[in-house]
Amino acid sequence: MFRFKTPNLWVVLLSLISALFLACQPNKVEFSKDVAPIIEKHCTPCHNSKGAAPFELSNYWQVKQKAKMITYVTQKRIMPPWPADPEYTHFIGERLLTESEIQTLKDWYQQGCSKGDDSHLMLKYANNSSMSLGPADMVIDVEPIAINNNNKDQFLVVKIPYEMPEAKFVKAVEFLPGQMAYMHHVNGHYLRLNNASHSFEGNRVVDVESPHYEKAFMDLQLLNADGSMPERVHSAFNFLPGAYGVAYPNGIGGFWMSPKGIFVANDMHIGPSTKSCIDSSKLLLYFSKTPNQRPTFELMMGTNGISPVEPALQIAPNTISKHLSRTRVYSDMSVLTVNPHMHLLGRSFKAYAILPNGDTTKLIHIPQWQFRWQYFYTFTHPVRIPRGSELIVEAVFDNTLKNPNNPFNPPRLIGERTDRGGASMRTTDEMLQFIITYLPYQKNDELIDLSQP
């Protein structure tokens, strides 16, 4: 009778146990081939020498130094920041890590942060001189701004003139702050001058809160040489922390730039600073060889918009309150991009449309509002909102001490503060806005792929 010899049996058992143990071990994770692609895609666009983030993640050594923190914030889904609920609607450029990517980062940290073949790999955005649309066709320097160390907000209007040899069609414009940490937001428009001999004399920068604001604004000299109003392109550029420039596919959006003209940063909000520095921002322009046939339009709801906030945006201390804004749609529209906006008391935001047949079209839901990450969200395909629909915005504000962003302790009454005919944009006041960029609807708009600029 055949029998196993005892030593051979132990060898077999040990081999099986060893094989099972090895099978249960995670694969060796290396920075160059496994971690770098994740960091480059999701982190480095902000974590670079000129980005919005407070430190760099541009090479192996910087990432290794922050490996423990990266593991924590990705496991908790704190980073990368993407406030919009992906189960409600989807947008282009969603910053969402997969479970596999999160596990890879964790395994890399727990295995000791292996370098891989190239320990000095420089990531794509290591020296990011632009933001998201690649090398610019033209760069215009913005007048340098002195940022004071008085820990107060600054609200400015800035004239940005330019000259170039011939007229160009602009596909997109990006605003690139010089001091990313302090630039809160910028809303800009374009003035197309009708006279090539226009002088660029006058003021370049006006303090909105100056007691002599009206005279200083007139001294910007924004009129045509004959005293008439120039043709204006509203929202030619915008900026919010974390936001990226938007470029639509050929045939959509854009505007003509004359050989001589003016961009105006109509609302430049520079946040409080405890140090003195100079902001040297830039406008990055991207041209198209052929003009687009379908200009975009903008609709703004809520504060300073076409529909009031209900009830009035006055949030009593130690309360949590819900507010609405609604408007009727009077012609079919194709929604391209949406931009929700609130300040420090914001808790949640939701926007949707009730169609004439009673169905609901979801636009955006932000279950946990993040004041420091406010994006222009562009849909993957235009969203049709038919005539007769009602657009509705719902927002919740938290004016209690449980809100870590509450600017006051103890809480005090906060709301819209009328300032020079419009609501104050001061950080410690409050706003509720919903801005929609859209096209008048055409057949088959729903089939346009907005991710192919």
Protein backbone atom coordinates (compact mmCIF):
# COMPACT_ATOMS: atom_id res chain seq x y z
CA MET A 1 0.00 0.00 0.00
CA PHE A 2 1.29 3.44 -0.96
CA ARG A 3 1.82 5.87 1.90
CA PHE A 4 2.96 9.52 2.19
CA LYS A 5 6.10 9.98 4.14
CA THR A 6 5.57 12.45 6.95
CA PRO A 7 8.24 14.95 5.82
CA ASN A 8 6.76 15.12 2.34
CA LEU A 9 3.29 15.80 3.76
CA TRP A 10 4.60 18.72 5.79
CA VAL A 11 6.34 20.10 2.76
CA VAL A 12 3.10 19.98 0.80
CA LEU A 13 1.14 21.65 3.59
CA LEU A 14 3.70 24.37 4.05
CA SER A 15 3.76 25.01 0.31
CA LEU A 16 -0.02 25.38 0.25
CA ILE A 17 -0.02 27.72 3.22
CA SER A 18 2.75 29.80 1.65
CA ALA A 19 0.88 29.99 -1.66
CA LEU A 20 -2.33 31.05 0.09
CA PHE A 21 -0.45 33.68 2.11
CA LEU A 22 1.17 35.13 -0.98
CA ALA A 23 -2.14 35.12 -2.83
CA CYS A 24 -3.68 37.21 -0.07
CA GLN A 25 -0.92 39.83 -0.19
CA PRO A 26 -1.58 42.98 -2.21
CA ASN A 27 0.49 43.48 -5.33
CA LYS A 28 3.57 45.63 -4.98
CA VAL A 29 2.49 49.23 -5.58
CA GLU A 30 5.00 51.70 -7.00
CA PHE A 31 4.82 55.46 -7.38
CA SER A 32 5.94 55.73 -11.01
CA LYS A 33 3.54 53.19 -12.53
CA ASP A 34 0.62 53.09 -10.06
CA VAL A 35 0.39 56.22 -7.94
CA ALA A 36 1.69 58.99 -10.23
CA PRO A 37 -1.16 58.64 -12.79
CA ILE A 38 -3.74 59.02 -9.99
CA ILE A 39 -2.00 62.03 -8.45
CA GLU A 40 -1.47 63.67 -11.84
CA LYS A 41 -5.12 63.33 -12.84
CA HIS A 42 -6.83 64.21 -9.56
CA CYS A 43 -4.39 66.21 -7.41
CA THR A 44 -1.65 68.05 -9.27
CA PRO A 45 -3.97 70.37 -11.27
CA CYS A 46 -4.49 72.26 -7.97
CA HIS A 47 -1.45 71.07 -5.99
CA ASN A 48 1.23 72.75 -8.11
CA SER A 49 3.45 75.78 -7.71
CA LYS A 50 0.78 78.09 -9.15
CA GLY A 51 -2.34 76.21 -8.09
CA ALA A 52 -5.11 76.91 -5.58
CA ALA A 53 -3.93 74.30 -3.07
CA PRO A 54 -1.63 75.24 -0.15
CA PHE A 55 1.15 72.76 -1.01
CA GLU A 56 2.60 70.98 -4.04
CA LEU A 57 2.21 67.37 -5.15
CA SER A 58 4.45 67.59 -8.21
CA ASN A 59 6.97 64.79 -7.64
CA TYR A 60 7.63 61.59 -5.71
CA TRP A 61 9.21 63.26 -2.68
CA GLN A 62 6.34 65.71 -2.17
CA VAL A 63 3.73 62.95 -2.49
CA LYS A 64 5.64 60.63 -0.15
CA GLN A 65 5.80 63.36 2.50
CA LYS A 66 1.99 63.67 2.41
CA ALA A 67 1.26 59.95 1.88
CA LYS A 68 -0.41 59.42 5.27
CA MET A 69 -2.63 62.46 4.84
CA ILE A 70 -3.46 61.51 1.23
CA THR A 71 -4.55 58.07 2.43
CA TYR A 72 -6.80 59.59 5.09
CA VAL A 73 -8.50 62.26 2.95
CA THR A 74 -9.10 59.86 0.06
CA GLN A 75 -10.46 57.12 2.32
CA LYS A 76 -12.88 59.69 3.80
CA ARG A 77 -13.57 61.09 0.30
CA ILE A 78 -12.64 64.57 1.48
CA MET A 79 -10.29 64.87 -1.48
CA PRO A 80 -10.29 65.39 -4.36
CA PRO A 81 -13.01 68.00 -3.82
CA TRP A 82 -16.16 67.39 -5.85
CA PRO A 83 -19.20 68.81 -4.03
CA ALA A 84 -21.83 67.76 -6.61
CA ASP A 85 -23.71 64.52 -5.92
CA PRO A 86 -22.77 62.07 -8.72
CA GLU A 87 -25.91 60.04 -8.04
CA TYR A 88 -28.06 63.09 -8.90
CA THR A 89 -26.42 64.27 -12.15
CA HIS A 90 -23.13 63.87 -13.99
CA PHE A 91 -20.80 66.55 -15.34
CA ILE A 92 -17.63 66.77 -17.40
CA GLY A 93 -14.42 66.43 -15.41
CA GLU A 94 -15.85 64.86 -12.29
CA ARG A 95 -13.12 64.56 -9.66
CA LEU A 96 -14.11 61.20 -8.27
CA LEU A 97 -11.68 58.46 -7.29
CA THR A 98 -12.71 54.87 -7.94
CA GLU A 99 -12.58 52.34 -5.11
CA SER A 100 -9.61 50.75 -6.87
CA GLU A 101 -7.70 54.07 -6.97
CA ILE A 102 -8.40 54.71 -3.29
CA GLN A 103 -7.14 51.25 -2.41
CA THR A 104 -4.01 51.74 -4.53
CA LEU A 105 -3.10 54.89 -2.60
CA LYS A 106 -3.67 53.12 0.71
CA ASP A 107 -1.63 50.06 -0.30
CA TRP A 108 1.24 52.27 -1.50
CA TYR A 109 1.40 54.06 1.86
CA GLN A 110 1.13 50.87 3.90
CA GLN A 111 3.81 49.16 1.80
CA GLY A 112 6.31 51.93 2.48
CA CYS A 113 5.90 54.26 -0.51
CA SER A 114 8.05 52.48 -3.10
CA LYS A 115 9.70 54.79 -5.65
CA GLY A 116 9.55 52.58 -8.70
CA ASP A 117 11.72 53.11 -11.73
CA ASP A 118 11.65 56.91 -11.73
CA SER A 119 11.77 58.50 -8.30
CA HIS A 120 12.04 62.00 -9.75
CA LEU A 121 9.09 61.79 -12.11
CA MET A 122 7.74 65.32 -12.63
CA LEU A 123 4.02 65.34 -13.06
CA LYS A 124 2.16 67.02 -15.89
CA TYR A 125 1.01 70.09 -13.97
CA ALA A 126 4.20 70.59 -11.96
CA ASN A 127 4.70 74.13 -13.28
CA ASN A 128 1.17 75.01 -14.27
CA SER A 129 1.29 78.39 -16.00
CA SER A 130 -2.26 78.00 -17.29
CA MET A 131 -5.23 76.28 -15.74
CA SER A 132 -7.07 73.79 -17.87
CA LEU A 133 -7.27 74.72 -21.54
CA GLY A 134 -3.62 74.30 -22.47
CA PRO A 135 -1.18 76.91 -23.86
CA ALA A 136 -2.94 80.21 -24.55
CA ASP A 137 -2.95 81.90 -27.96
CA MET A 138 -2.66 85.31 -26.31
CA VAL A 139 -1.89 86.48 -22.78
CA ILE A 140 -3.00 89.87 -21.42
CA ASP A 141 -1.46 91.16 -18.20
CA VAL A 142 -3.91 92.53 -15.65
CA GLU A 143 -2.96 95.70 -13.79
CA PRO A 144 -0.98 94.66 -10.67
CA ILE A 145 -3.07 94.91 -7.51
CA ALA A 146 -1.67 95.68 -4.07
CA ILE A 147 -3.18 93.30 -1.51
CA ASN A 148 -3.25 94.90 1.92
CA ASN A 149 -2.38 93.19 5.19
CA ASN A 150 -5.41 94.58 7.05
CA ASN A 151 -7.35 91.28 6.97
CA LYS A 152 -10.24 92.92 5.08
CA ASP A 153 -11.98 92.07 1.80
CA GLN A 154 -11.24 94.14 -1.28
CA PHE A 155 -13.85 94.71 -4.00
CA LEU A 156 -12.48 96.19 -7.20
CA VAL A 157 -13.35 97.06 -10.78
CA VAL A 158 -10.31 96.61 -13.03
CA LYS A 159 -9.89 97.82 -16.62
CA ILE A 160 -7.85 95.46 -18.82
CA PRO A 161 -7.14 97.08 -22.22
CA TYR A 162 -5.38 95.39 -25.13
CA GLU A 163 -4.28 95.91 -28.73
CA MET A 164 -3.58 93.33 -31.44
CA PRO A 165 -2.98 93.46 -35.22
CA GLU A 166 -6.38 92.15 -36.37
CA ALA A 167 -9.77 91.01 -35.18
CA LYS A 168 -9.95 87.48 -33.74
CA PHE A 169 -12.73 85.14 -32.77
CA VAL A 170 -12.35 84.08 -29.13
CA LYS A 171 -13.33 80.55 -28.25
CA ALA A 172 -12.62 80.82 -24.51
CA VAL A 173 -11.04 83.09 -21.89
CA GLU A 174 -9.47 81.99 -18.61
CA PHE A 175 -8.59 84.24 -15.69
CA LEU A 176 -5.36 83.17 -13.98
CA PRO A 177 -4.85 84.78 -10.55
CA GLY A 178 -1.39 85.83 -9.49
CA GLN A 179 -2.21 85.25 -5.81
CA MET A 180 -4.40 82.16 -5.93
CA ALA A 181 -4.78 81.99 -2.15
CA TYR A 182 -6.50 85.38 -1.92
CA MET A 183 -8.56 85.65 -5.12
CA HIS A 184 -12.12 84.74 -4.16
CA HIS A 185 -13.96 85.41 -7.39
CA VAL A 186 -13.91 87.50 -10.56
CA ASN A 187 -16.75 88.23 -12.98
CA GLY A 188 -15.63 89.88 -16.20
CA HIS A 189 -17.11 91.20 -19.42
CA TYR A 190 -15.74 92.42 -22.72
CA LEU A 191 -16.22 95.85 -24.34
CA ARG A 192 -15.88 95.95 -28.13
CA LEU A 193 -14.78 99.47 -29.02
CA ASN A 194 -15.96 101.02 -32.29
CA ASN A 195 -12.98 103.31 -32.81
CA ALA A 196 -9.39 102.16 -33.31
CA SER A 197 -8.12 105.55 -32.08
CA HIS A 198 -9.62 105.07 -28.62
CA SER A 199 -7.32 106.25 -25.86
CA PHE A 200 -6.55 103.97 -22.93
CA GLU A 201 -6.10 106.84 -20.52
CA GLY A 202 -7.85 107.04 -17.19
CA ASN A 203 -7.98 104.83 -14.13
CA ARG A 204 -7.20 101.13 -14.29
CA VAL A 205 -8.41 100.08 -10.81
CA VAL A 206 -11.37 101.36 -8.76
CA ASP A 207 -12.25 100.43 -5.17
CA VAL A 208 -15.99 99.70 -5.14
CA GLU A 209 -16.24 100.74 -1.48
CA SER A 210 -14.53 104.09 -2.01
CA PRO A 211 -16.68 107.10 -1.02
CA HIS A 212 -15.80 108.55 -4.44
CA TYR A 213 -16.68 105.38 -6.35
CA GLU A 214 -19.02 106.98 -8.91
CA LYS A 215 -16.44 109.56 -10.06
CA ALA A 216 -13.61 107.02 -10.02
CA PHE A 217 -15.68 104.62 -12.12
CA MET A 218 -16.32 107.31 -14.74
CA ASP A 219 -12.56 107.98 -14.77
CA LEU A 220 -12.04 104.42 -16.04
CA GLN A 221 -13.13 105.86 -19.42
CA LEU A 222 -14.97 102.79 -20.67
CA LEU A 223 -17.04 104.59 -23.35
CA ASN A 224 -16.35 104.77 -27.08
CA ALA A 225 -14.44 107.80 -28.32
CA ASP A 226 -17.76 109.40 -29.38
CA GLY A 227 -19.22 108.93 -25.91
CA SER A 228 -21.49 106.01 -26.82
CA MET A 229 -21.67 102.72 -24.94
CA PRO A 230 -19.47 99.96 -26.43
CA GLU A 231 -21.01 96.65 -27.38
CA ARG A 232 -20.73 94.41 -24.31
CA VAL A 233 -20.20 90.65 -23.99
CA HIS A 234 -21.47 89.64 -20.56
CA SER A 235 -19.57 86.97 -18.58
CA ALA A 236 -16.69 86.86 -21.05
CA PHE A 237 -14.69 85.27 -18.24
CA ASN A 238 -15.26 84.17 -14.66
CA PHE A 239 -13.18 82.76 -11.84
CA LEU A 240 -13.91 80.86 -8.63
CA PRO A 241 -11.47 78.85 -6.48
CA GLY A 242 -11.14 75.41 -8.01
CA ALA A 243 -13.07 76.37 -11.12
CA TYR A 244 -11.66 75.73 -14.58
CA GLY A 245 -12.23 77.53 -17.84
CA VAL A 246 -15.03 76.30 -20.06
CA ALA A 247 -14.55 75.69 -23.78
CA TYR A 248 -17.53 74.41 -25.74
CA PRO A 249 -17.36 72.40 -28.99
CA ASN A 250 -16.84 74.21 -32.27
CA GLY A 251 -19.92 76.11 -33.29
CA ILE A 252 -20.99 77.03 -29.74
CA GLY A 253 -20.21 80.18 -27.77
CA GLY A 254 -17.35 82.64 -28.12
CA PHE A 255 -17.24 86.22 -29.44
CA TRP A 256 -15.37 88.52 -31.81
CA MET A 257 -12.51 90.62 -30.42
CA SER A 258 -11.78 93.86 -32.26
CA PRO A 259 -8.12 94.90 -32.77
CA LYS A 260 -8.54 97.29 -29.85
CA GLY A 261 -10.78 96.74 -26.87
CA ILE A 262 -11.21 96.42 -23.13
CA PHE A 263 -11.92 93.57 -20.76
CA VAL A 264 -13.39 94.64 -17.42
CA ALA A 265 -13.12 92.66 -14.22
CA ASN A 266 -16.45 94.00 -13.05
CA ASP A 267 -16.41 92.19 -9.71
CA MET A 268 -12.94 91.32 -8.43
CA HIS A 269 -13.20 90.08 -4.86
CA ILE A 270 -9.90 89.63 -3.06
CA GLY A 271 -10.30 87.87 0.27
CA PRO A 272 -8.80 88.96 3.59
CA SER A 273 -5.02 88.80 3.93
CA THR A 274 -2.66 89.22 6.88
CA LYS A 275 0.34 89.90 4.65
CA SER A 276 1.08 92.51 2.01
CA CYS A 277 1.72 91.25 -1.51
CA ILE A 278 1.12 92.06 -5.17
CA ASP A 279 -1.33 90.20 -7.39
CA SER A 280 -0.23 90.01 -11.03
CA SER A 281 -3.06 88.15 -12.73
CA LYS A 282 -3.43 87.32 -16.41
CA LEU A 283 -6.11 86.70 -19.00
CA LEU A 284 -5.48 83.64 -21.18
CA LEU A 285 -7.19 83.83 -24.58
CA TYR A 286 -7.93 80.93 -26.92
CA PHE A 287 -8.83 81.72 -30.53
CA SER A 288 -10.81 79.82 -33.14
CA LYS A 289 -10.13 79.97 -36.89
CA THR A 290 -13.86 79.91 -37.62
CA PRO A 291 -16.50 81.91 -35.73
CA ASN A 292 -19.10 79.99 -33.80
CA GLN A 293 -22.63 80.08 -35.11
CA ARG A 294 -24.51 79.75 -31.81
CA PRO A 295 -23.80 82.33 -29.10
CA THR A 296 -24.49 81.33 -25.51
CA PHE A 297 -26.83 83.16 -23.14
CA GLU A 298 -26.93 83.49 -19.38
CA LEU A 299 -29.78 83.35 -16.87
CA MET A 300 -29.23 84.19 -13.20
CA MET A 301 -31.70 83.28 -10.47
CA GLY A 302 -31.77 84.53 -6.88
CA THR A 303 -29.59 87.33 -5.53
CA ASN A 304 -29.26 90.10 -8.17
CA GLY A 305 -31.10 87.78 -10.61
CA ILE A 306 -34.46 87.56 -12.34
CA SER A 307 -36.19 85.67 -9.51
CA PRO A 308 -36.36 86.68 -5.84
CA VAL A 309 -35.24 84.57 -2.90
CA GLU A 310 -38.21 83.34 -0.87
CA PRO A 311 -38.40 84.02 2.01
CA ALA A 312 -36.06 86.99 1.96
CA LEU A 313 -32.48 85.94 2.64
CA GLN A 314 -32.19 87.02 6.26
CA ILE A 315 -30.93 84.17 8.43
CA ALA A 316 -31.55 84.69 12.14
CA PRO A 317 -28.86 83.67 14.63
CA ASN A 318 -28.96 80.08 15.93
CA THR A 319 -31.31 78.95 13.16
CA ILE A 320 -31.26 76.69 10.12
CA SER A 321 -33.46 78.05 7.33
CA LYS A 322 -34.58 76.92 3.88
CA HIS A 323 -34.97 79.34 0.97
CA LEU A 324 -36.27 79.02 -2.60
CA SER A 325 -36.01 80.83 -5.89
CA ARG A 326 -38.13 79.94 -8.93
CA THR A 327 -38.80 81.19 -12.43
CA ARG A 328 -40.79 80.13 -15.50
CA VAL A 329 -39.09 79.20 -18.80
CA TYR A 330 -40.73 80.91 -21.79
CA SER A 331 -38.81 79.25 -24.64
CA ASP A 332 -37.08 75.91 -25.11
CA MET A 333 -33.52 76.00 -23.85
CA SER A 334 -30.48 73.71 -23.93
CA VAL A 335 -28.60 74.04 -20.64
CA LEU A 336 -24.81 73.73 -20.98
CA THR A 337 -23.30 74.85 -17.67
CA VAL A 338 -24.61 75.67 -14.19
CA ASN A 339 -22.98 77.57 -11.34
CA PRO A 340 -24.45 77.50 -7.81
CA HIS A 341 -23.24 80.21 -5.44
CA MET A 342 -23.62 80.78 -1.70
CA HIS A 343 -21.32 82.00 1.06
CA LEU A 344 -20.24 80.69 4.45
CA LEU A 345 -23.66 79.77 5.89
CA GLY A 346 -24.55 77.54 2.94
CA ARG A 347 -25.39 73.98 3.97
CA SER A 348 -26.97 72.37 0.89
CA PHE A 349 -28.08 73.33 -2.63
CA LYS A 350 -30.41 71.72 -5.14
CA ALA A 351 -31.70 72.87 -8.54
CA TYR A 352 -34.14 71.14 -10.86
CA ALA A 353 -36.89 71.83 -13.39
CA ILE A 354 -40.53 70.78 -13.25
CA LEU A 355 -41.58 70.16 -16.86
CA PRO A 356 -45.04 70.98 -18.26
CA ASN A 357 -45.98 67.26 -18.09
CA GLY A 358 -45.06 67.12 -14.40
CA ASP A 359 -41.76 65.25 -14.85
CA THR A 360 -38.62 66.45 -13.06
CA THR A 361 -35.30 67.18 -14.76
CA LYS A 362 -32.44 67.11 -12.27
CA LEU A 363 -29.81 69.83 -12.64
CA ILE A 364 -27.52 69.71 -9.60
CA HIS A 365 -27.46 68.66 -5.96
CA ILE A 366 -24.75 69.63 -3.48
CA PRO A 367 -25.61 67.83 -0.24
CA GLN A 368 -22.73 69.38 1.73
CA TRP A 369 -21.98 72.89 0.52
CA GLN A 370 -18.28 73.77 0.31
CA PHE A 371 -17.66 77.49 0.15
CA ARG A 372 -14.04 77.06 -0.95
CA TRP A 373 -14.87 74.80 -3.90
CA GLN A 374 -17.40 76.39 -6.22
CA TYR A 375 -17.36 75.19 -9.81
CA PHE A 376 -18.90 75.89 -13.17
CA TYR A 377 -20.46 72.48 -13.82
CA THR A 378 -20.79 71.56 -17.52
CA PHE A 379 -23.08 68.69 -18.51
CA THR A 380 -21.80 65.91 -20.74
CA HIS A 381 -24.63 66.74 -23.16
CA PRO A 382 -26.96 69.75 -23.28
CA VAL A 383 -30.02 69.33 -21.06
CA ARG A 384 -33.27 70.34 -22.70
CA ILE A 385 -35.66 72.43 -20.61
CA PRO A 386 -38.91 72.90 -22.60
CA ARG A 387 -41.02 76.02 -22.69
CA GLY A 388 -43.43 76.25 -19.77
CA SER A 389 -41.11 74.48 -17.33
CA GLU A 390 -40.42 75.93 -13.89
CA LEU A 391 -36.82 76.21 -12.68
CA ILE A 392 -36.54 75.78 -8.91
CA VAL A 393 -33.62 76.33 -6.56
CA GLU A 394 -33.70 75.05 -2.97
CA ALA A 395 -31.01 76.00 -0.46
CA VAL A 396 -30.45 75.46 3.25
CA PHE A 397 -28.42 77.86 5.40
CA ASP A 398 -26.94 77.07 8.82
CA ASN A 399 -26.44 80.03 11.14
CA THR A 400 -25.51 78.02 14.23
CA LEU A 401 -22.22 77.29 15.94
CA LYS A 402 -22.41 73.74 14.57
CA ASN A 403 -21.46 75.30 11.22
CA PRO A 404 -17.64 75.44 11.36
CA ASN A 405 -17.63 78.17 8.67
CA ASN A 406 -19.86 80.55 10.61
CA PRO A 407 -17.91 83.84 10.62
CA PHE A 408 -19.39 85.02 13.92
CA ASN A 409 -19.35 83.68 17.48
CA PRO A 410 -21.92 84.15 18.85
CA PRO A 411 -23.98 83.95 15.64
CA ARG A 412 -25.64 87.13 14.42
CA LEU A 413 -28.23 88.04 11.80
CA ILE A 414 -26.74 87.46 8.33
CA GLY A 415 -28.27 87.93 4.92
CA GLU A 416 -28.31 89.94 1.72
CA ARG A 417 -27.10 93.47 2.39
CA THR A 418 -28.11 96.03 -0.22
CA ASP A 419 -25.02 97.83 -1.42
CA ARG A 420 -25.08 100.41 -4.22
CA GLY A 421 -28.29 99.04 -5.68
CA GLY A 422 -27.29 95.37 -5.48
CA ALA A 423 -26.52 92.75 -2.87
CA SER A 424 -23.19 92.93 -1.10
CA MET A 425 -20.68 90.28 -2.14
CA ARG A 426 -18.81 90.51 1.16
CA THR A 427 -17.89 87.05 2.39
CA THR A 428 -19.55 87.58 5.77
CA ASP A 429 -22.84 88.60 4.13
CA GLU A 430 -24.88 85.94 2.34
CA MET A 431 -26.01 85.21 -1.23
CA LEU A 432 -28.09 82.62 -3.08
CA GLN A 433 -27.46 82.52 -6.84
CA PHE A 434 -27.90 80.01 -9.61
CA ILE A 435 -26.34 80.94 -12.96
CA ILE A 436 -27.29 78.98 -16.10
CA THR A 437 -25.41 79.15 -19.40
CA TYR A 438 -27.65 77.96 -22.23
CA LEU A 439 -28.51 77.92 -25.92
CA PRO A 440 -31.91 78.40 -27.50
CA TYR A 441 -32.90 74.79 -28.16
CA GLN A 442 -32.41 73.21 -31.57
CA LYS A 443 -33.34 69.70 -32.65
CA ASN A 444 -30.82 67.04 -31.56
CA ASP A 445 -29.01 69.34 -29.11
CA GLU A 446 -29.17 66.44 -26.64
CA LEU A 447 -26.72 64.53 -28.86
CA ILE A 448 -23.93 67.14 -28.71
CA ASP A 449 -20.88 65.88 -26.81
CA LEU A 450 -19.78 68.85 -24.71
CA SER A 451 -16.59 67.09 -23.64
CA GLN A 452 -15.08 67.61 -27.11
CA PRO A 453 -14.12 71.30 -27.31
